[in-house]
Each structure stands twice: as C-alpha cells, then as structure tokens.
N, C-alpha and C. Protein backbone atom coordinates (compact mmCIF):
# COMPACT_ATOMS: atom_id res chain seq x y z
N MET A 1 129.86 90.11 57.54
CA MET A 1 130.49 90.89 58.60
C MET A 1 131.16 89.95 59.59
N ASN A 2 132.37 90.25 59.95
CA ASN A 2 133.09 89.49 60.97
C ASN A 2 132.50 89.80 62.34
N LYS A 3 132.42 88.77 63.17
CA LYS A 3 131.94 88.95 64.53
C LYS A 3 132.99 88.43 65.49
N LEU A 4 133.26 89.20 66.52
CA LEU A 4 134.18 88.78 67.57
C LEU A 4 133.38 88.69 68.86
N PHE A 5 133.32 87.49 69.43
CA PHE A 5 132.61 87.24 70.67
C PHE A 5 133.63 87.14 71.79
N GLY A 6 133.31 87.70 72.94
CA GLY A 6 134.23 87.58 74.05
C GLY A 6 133.71 88.24 75.31
N ILE A 7 134.60 88.46 76.24
CA ILE A 7 134.32 89.13 77.50
C ILE A 7 135.33 90.26 77.62
N SER A 8 134.83 91.46 77.86
CA SER A 8 135.66 92.67 77.80
C SER A 8 136.89 92.65 78.70
N ASN A 9 136.80 92.01 79.86
CA ASN A 9 137.96 92.04 80.76
C ASN A 9 138.95 90.91 80.51
N CYS A 10 138.77 90.15 79.44
CA CYS A 10 139.68 89.05 79.09
C CYS A 10 140.86 89.60 78.28
N ASP A 11 142.07 89.33 78.75
CA ASP A 11 143.27 89.82 78.06
C ASP A 11 143.36 89.31 76.63
N THR A 12 143.01 88.06 76.41
CA THR A 12 143.11 87.48 75.07
C THR A 12 142.11 88.13 74.12
N VAL A 13 140.94 88.44 74.61
CA VAL A 13 139.94 89.15 73.80
C VAL A 13 140.46 90.54 73.45
N ARG A 14 141.05 91.21 74.41
CA ARG A 14 141.61 92.55 74.14
C ARG A 14 142.71 92.49 73.09
N LYS A 15 143.55 91.46 73.14
CA LYS A 15 144.61 91.30 72.12
C LYS A 15 144.00 91.10 70.74
N ALA A 16 142.96 90.29 70.65
CA ALA A 16 142.31 90.04 69.36
C ALA A 16 141.68 91.32 68.82
N LYS A 17 140.98 92.06 69.68
CA LYS A 17 140.37 93.32 69.25
C LYS A 17 141.44 94.30 68.75
N LYS A 18 142.52 94.39 69.51
CA LYS A 18 143.62 95.30 69.14
C LYS A 18 144.21 94.91 67.79
N TRP A 19 144.40 93.60 67.56
CA TRP A 19 144.97 93.13 66.30
C TRP A 19 144.04 93.46 65.14
N LEU A 20 142.76 93.19 65.31
CA LEU A 20 141.79 93.47 64.24
C LEU A 20 141.76 94.97 63.92
N GLU A 21 141.74 95.79 64.95
CA GLU A 21 141.73 97.24 64.74
C GLU A 21 143.01 97.72 64.07
N ALA A 22 144.16 97.22 64.52
CA ALA A 22 145.45 97.62 63.94
C ALA A 22 145.56 97.23 62.48
N ASN A 23 144.89 96.15 62.10
CA ASN A 23 144.93 95.68 60.72
C ASN A 23 143.72 96.15 59.92
N GLN A 24 142.98 97.09 60.48
CA GLN A 24 141.84 97.73 59.83
C GLN A 24 140.83 96.71 59.29
N ILE A 25 140.50 95.75 60.11
CA ILE A 25 139.52 94.72 59.74
C ILE A 25 138.22 95.04 60.48
N ASP A 26 137.17 95.20 59.70
CA ASP A 26 135.86 95.51 60.28
C ASP A 26 135.33 94.30 61.03
N PHE A 27 134.75 94.56 62.19
CA PHE A 27 134.13 93.48 62.96
C PHE A 27 133.10 94.07 63.91
N GLU A 28 132.16 93.24 64.26
CA GLU A 28 131.17 93.58 65.28
C GLU A 28 131.59 92.84 66.55
N TYR A 29 131.63 93.55 67.67
CA TYR A 29 132.02 92.93 68.93
C TYR A 29 130.77 92.57 69.73
N ILE A 30 130.69 91.33 70.16
CA ILE A 30 129.58 90.84 70.98
C ILE A 30 130.16 90.40 72.32
N ASP A 31 129.78 91.11 73.38
CA ASP A 31 130.23 90.78 74.72
C ASP A 31 129.29 89.72 75.28
N PHE A 32 129.83 88.57 75.62
CA PHE A 32 129.02 87.47 76.14
C PHE A 32 128.17 87.89 77.34
N ARG A 33 128.67 88.79 78.14
CA ARG A 33 127.96 89.16 79.37
C ARG A 33 126.95 90.27 79.17
N LYS A 34 127.12 91.09 78.14
CA LYS A 34 126.26 92.27 77.97
C LYS A 34 125.34 92.17 76.76
N ASP A 35 125.79 91.54 75.71
CA ASP A 35 125.03 91.50 74.46
C ASP A 35 124.33 90.16 74.30
N GLN A 36 123.36 90.15 73.44
CA GLN A 36 122.63 88.92 73.17
C GLN A 36 123.43 88.03 72.22
N PHE A 37 123.63 86.81 72.60
CA PHE A 37 124.08 85.79 71.68
C PHE A 37 123.17 84.61 71.95
N SER A 38 123.10 83.69 71.00
CA SER A 38 122.02 82.71 71.08
C SER A 38 122.49 81.30 70.77
N LYS A 39 121.56 80.40 70.94
CA LYS A 39 121.78 79.01 70.57
C LYS A 39 122.14 78.93 69.09
N GLU A 40 121.53 79.80 68.28
CA GLU A 40 121.81 79.80 66.83
C GLU A 40 123.27 80.16 66.56
N ASP A 41 123.83 81.07 67.35
CA ASP A 41 125.26 81.39 67.19
C ASP A 41 126.11 80.15 67.44
N ILE A 42 125.80 79.44 68.52
CA ILE A 42 126.56 78.23 68.85
C ILE A 42 126.36 77.17 67.77
N GLU A 43 125.14 77.04 67.27
CA GLU A 43 124.88 76.06 66.20
C GLU A 43 125.68 76.40 64.94
N ALA A 44 125.84 77.68 64.64
CA ALA A 44 126.65 78.09 63.49
C ALA A 44 128.11 77.67 63.69
N TRP A 45 128.60 77.80 64.93
CA TRP A 45 129.97 77.38 65.22
C TRP A 45 130.12 75.88 65.04
N LEU A 46 129.09 75.14 65.42
CA LEU A 46 129.15 73.67 65.36
C LEU A 46 129.20 73.14 63.93
N LYS A 47 128.88 73.97 62.97
CA LYS A 47 129.01 73.56 61.57
C LYS A 47 130.48 73.48 61.17
N LYS A 48 131.34 74.13 61.96
CA LYS A 48 132.76 74.20 61.64
C LYS A 48 133.67 73.53 62.68
N ILE A 49 133.15 73.29 63.89
CA ILE A 49 133.99 72.80 64.98
C ILE A 49 133.15 71.94 65.91
N SER A 50 133.78 71.05 66.63
CA SER A 50 133.03 70.16 67.53
C SER A 50 132.61 70.90 68.81
N PHE A 51 131.55 70.41 69.42
CA PHE A 51 131.05 71.01 70.66
C PHE A 51 132.14 71.00 71.73
N GLU A 52 132.86 69.90 71.83
CA GLU A 52 133.92 69.78 72.84
C GLU A 52 134.99 70.86 72.66
N ASP A 53 135.25 71.26 71.42
CA ASP A 53 136.26 72.28 71.16
C ASP A 53 135.80 73.68 71.53
N ILE A 54 134.50 73.87 71.71
CA ILE A 54 133.95 75.17 72.11
C ILE A 54 134.20 75.42 73.60
N VAL A 55 134.19 74.35 74.37
CA VAL A 55 134.23 74.47 75.83
C VAL A 55 135.66 74.75 76.33
N ASN A 56 135.77 75.77 77.16
CA ASN A 56 137.05 76.15 77.76
C ASN A 56 137.28 75.32 79.01
N GLN A 57 138.01 74.23 78.86
CA GLN A 57 138.22 73.32 79.97
C GLN A 57 139.29 73.81 80.95
N ARG A 58 139.84 74.98 80.72
CA ARG A 58 140.79 75.58 81.67
C ARG A 58 140.12 76.67 82.51
N SER A 59 138.85 76.95 82.23
CA SER A 59 138.17 78.05 82.93
C SER A 59 137.78 77.66 84.35
N LYS A 60 137.64 78.67 85.19
CA LYS A 60 137.17 78.45 86.56
C LYS A 60 135.77 77.86 86.55
N ALA A 61 134.95 78.32 85.60
CA ALA A 61 133.57 77.82 85.51
C ALA A 61 133.56 76.31 85.23
N TRP A 62 134.45 75.85 84.34
CA TRP A 62 134.54 74.42 84.03
C TRP A 62 134.99 73.64 85.27
N LYS A 63 136.00 74.14 85.93
CA LYS A 63 136.55 73.45 87.10
C LYS A 63 135.53 73.38 88.24
N ALA A 64 134.59 74.32 88.26
CA ALA A 64 133.57 74.34 89.32
C ALA A 64 132.45 73.31 89.07
N LEU A 65 132.37 72.79 87.84
CA LEU A 65 131.33 71.81 87.52
C LEU A 65 131.69 70.44 88.11
N THR A 66 130.68 69.67 88.42
CA THR A 66 130.91 68.29 88.85
C THR A 66 131.26 67.46 87.62
N ASP A 67 131.82 66.29 87.83
CA ASP A 67 132.13 65.40 86.70
C ASP A 67 130.86 65.07 85.92
N GLU A 68 129.76 64.90 86.62
CA GLU A 68 128.49 64.59 85.96
C GLU A 68 128.04 65.76 85.08
N GLN A 69 128.17 66.98 85.57
CA GLN A 69 127.80 68.16 84.79
C GLN A 69 128.69 68.30 83.56
N LYS A 70 129.99 68.04 83.72
CA LYS A 70 130.92 68.13 82.60
C LYS A 70 130.54 67.12 81.52
N HIS A 71 130.28 65.90 81.94
CA HIS A 71 129.90 64.85 81.00
C HIS A 71 128.60 65.23 80.29
N ASP A 72 127.62 65.70 81.05
CA ASP A 72 126.33 66.08 80.48
C ASP A 72 126.48 67.23 79.49
N LEU A 73 127.31 68.20 79.83
CA LEU A 73 127.54 69.34 78.96
C LEU A 73 128.08 68.90 77.61
N ILE A 74 129.10 68.06 77.61
CA ILE A 74 129.73 67.61 76.38
C ILE A 74 128.85 66.62 75.62
N GLU A 75 128.37 65.61 76.31
CA GLU A 75 127.63 64.53 75.64
C GLU A 75 126.25 64.98 75.14
N ASN A 76 125.60 65.86 75.88
CA ASN A 76 124.24 66.25 75.53
C ASN A 76 124.15 67.66 74.96
N LYS A 77 125.31 68.24 74.67
CA LYS A 77 125.37 69.56 74.05
C LYS A 77 124.41 70.54 74.74
N GLN A 78 124.71 70.82 75.98
CA GLN A 78 123.86 71.67 76.81
C GLN A 78 124.03 73.15 76.45
N PHE A 79 123.31 73.56 75.40
CA PHE A 79 123.38 74.95 74.96
C PHE A 79 123.00 75.92 76.08
N ALA A 80 121.97 75.55 76.86
CA ALA A 80 121.48 76.45 77.92
C ALA A 80 122.59 76.77 78.92
N LEU A 81 123.39 75.79 79.27
CA LEU A 81 124.48 76.02 80.22
C LEU A 81 125.52 76.97 79.63
N LEU A 82 125.82 76.83 78.34
CA LEU A 82 126.77 77.74 77.70
C LEU A 82 126.20 79.15 77.64
N LEU A 83 124.91 79.27 77.35
CA LEU A 83 124.28 80.59 77.29
C LEU A 83 124.22 81.24 78.66
N ASP A 84 123.97 80.44 79.69
CA ASP A 84 123.88 80.96 81.06
C ASP A 84 125.26 81.22 81.68
N THR A 85 126.26 80.47 81.24
CA THR A 85 127.62 80.58 81.80
C THR A 85 128.61 80.73 80.64
N PRO A 86 128.63 81.91 80.01
CA PRO A 86 129.47 82.09 78.82
C PRO A 86 130.96 81.95 79.08
N THR A 87 131.37 81.99 80.34
CA THR A 87 132.80 81.81 80.63
C THR A 87 133.23 80.37 80.37
N LEU A 88 132.28 79.49 80.08
CA LEU A 88 132.61 78.12 79.68
C LEU A 88 133.07 78.05 78.22
N ILE A 89 132.86 79.13 77.47
CA ILE A 89 133.20 79.14 76.05
C ILE A 89 134.62 79.67 75.87
N LYS A 90 135.41 78.97 75.06
CA LYS A 90 136.75 79.45 74.73
C LYS A 90 136.60 80.81 74.06
N ARG A 91 137.52 81.71 74.37
CA ARG A 91 137.41 83.04 73.81
C ARG A 91 138.78 83.61 73.49
N PRO A 92 138.77 84.56 72.59
CA PRO A 92 137.63 85.05 71.83
C PRO A 92 137.19 84.05 70.77
N VAL A 93 136.00 84.30 70.26
CA VAL A 93 135.48 83.54 69.12
C VAL A 93 135.40 84.52 67.96
N LEU A 94 136.11 84.22 66.89
CA LEU A 94 136.04 85.05 65.69
C LEU A 94 135.26 84.28 64.64
N GLN A 95 134.14 84.84 64.25
CA GLN A 95 133.28 84.21 63.24
C GLN A 95 133.35 85.04 61.97
N THR A 96 133.82 84.42 60.90
CA THR A 96 133.84 85.07 59.59
C THR A 96 132.88 84.32 58.68
N SER A 97 132.75 84.77 57.47
CA SER A 97 131.86 84.07 56.54
C SER A 97 132.38 82.67 56.20
N GLU A 98 133.70 82.45 56.35
CA GLU A 98 134.28 81.16 55.99
C GLU A 98 134.59 80.25 57.17
N THR A 99 134.89 80.82 58.31
CA THR A 99 135.43 79.99 59.39
C THR A 99 135.09 80.52 60.78
N ILE A 100 135.43 79.71 61.76
CA ILE A 100 135.31 80.08 63.17
C ILE A 100 136.67 79.82 63.82
N LEU A 101 137.20 80.81 64.51
CA LEU A 101 138.46 80.65 65.23
C LEU A 101 138.21 80.86 66.71
N PHE A 102 138.73 79.97 67.53
CA PHE A 102 138.62 80.08 68.98
C PHE A 102 139.98 80.40 69.55
N GLY A 103 140.03 81.36 70.47
CA GLY A 103 141.30 81.80 71.01
C GLY A 103 141.94 82.81 70.07
N PHE A 104 143.05 83.38 70.47
CA PHE A 104 143.75 84.33 69.62
C PHE A 104 145.18 83.87 69.42
N LYS A 105 145.48 83.59 68.17
CA LYS A 105 146.85 83.31 67.74
C LYS A 105 147.09 84.22 66.54
N GLU A 106 148.04 85.11 66.67
CA GLU A 106 148.28 86.10 65.63
C GLU A 106 148.48 85.46 64.27
N ALA A 107 149.23 84.37 64.21
CA ALA A 107 149.48 83.69 62.93
C ALA A 107 148.18 83.21 62.28
N GLN A 108 147.25 82.70 63.10
CA GLN A 108 145.96 82.26 62.56
C GLN A 108 145.18 83.44 61.99
N TYR A 109 145.18 84.54 62.69
CA TYR A 109 144.46 85.73 62.23
C TYR A 109 145.10 86.26 60.94
N GLN A 110 146.43 86.28 60.90
CA GLN A 110 147.12 86.74 59.68
C GLN A 110 146.75 85.86 58.49
N GLU A 111 146.74 84.56 58.71
CA GLU A 111 146.38 83.63 57.64
C GLU A 111 144.93 83.83 57.21
N GLN A 112 144.05 84.03 58.15
CA GLN A 112 142.64 84.21 57.85
C GLN A 112 142.39 85.44 56.98
N PHE A 113 143.12 86.52 57.26
CA PHE A 113 142.86 87.78 56.57
C PHE A 113 143.93 88.13 55.54
N ALA A 114 144.73 87.16 55.13
CA ALA A 114 145.78 87.40 54.12
C ALA A 114 145.17 87.70 52.77
C-alpha cells in the first residue's frame, strides 16, 4: 500500500493528494500532526535516502534551530526531534513498496506510477 505523509494545510501535500486521486492511485494518508508515525517509518526512508535529505532546510522550524541543534540533528540522526517537530521533514513523503519520494514533482510521480 502506498503511503503519503504530510501536513494537511501544506499546499504541496494537497497537490500530491490531488494528483494521486486524479490518477486513481490508492494510498493511505498519514498527517504528521494528527496520526501516528514512528522512528520505524523514518528508518524505512533511510534505507532509500540519506538522513540529510529528509530534513527540510527551508522550513521555519529548521531556521529556528541553533547551529548546534542543526549539526546535532544531522550528525546524530535525532529521530526524536523529527518526531516531535514533523515540520522539519520535507513533505510530502510518498512511500511505495519500491521507493521513497520527498516533495511533489508531477514528472516523478508519473514515472513512479507509469
């Protein structure tokens, strides 16, 4: 089953959901703020992508961190901080049986489901 992780008020997440629905692709939606997601979810992503690539370095949450916190987050893979502050995660996250996609690019989604 495809899983789409995100935050409901995020425009990019809404675009991804709309694209998946328009293309009749089944998926389970997990809202970072309302639904449970876990360290295991993040560990599954890390099998396909680096920890640094998970972190949204353009987010307000990232910019609010001190340089020491940013370094600690990346170098020590601070899962707890990501779980407590999900806005640090690039979104949406599309997890399929084969891959993990961060962000929404229509061409990537088309290629994934071709």
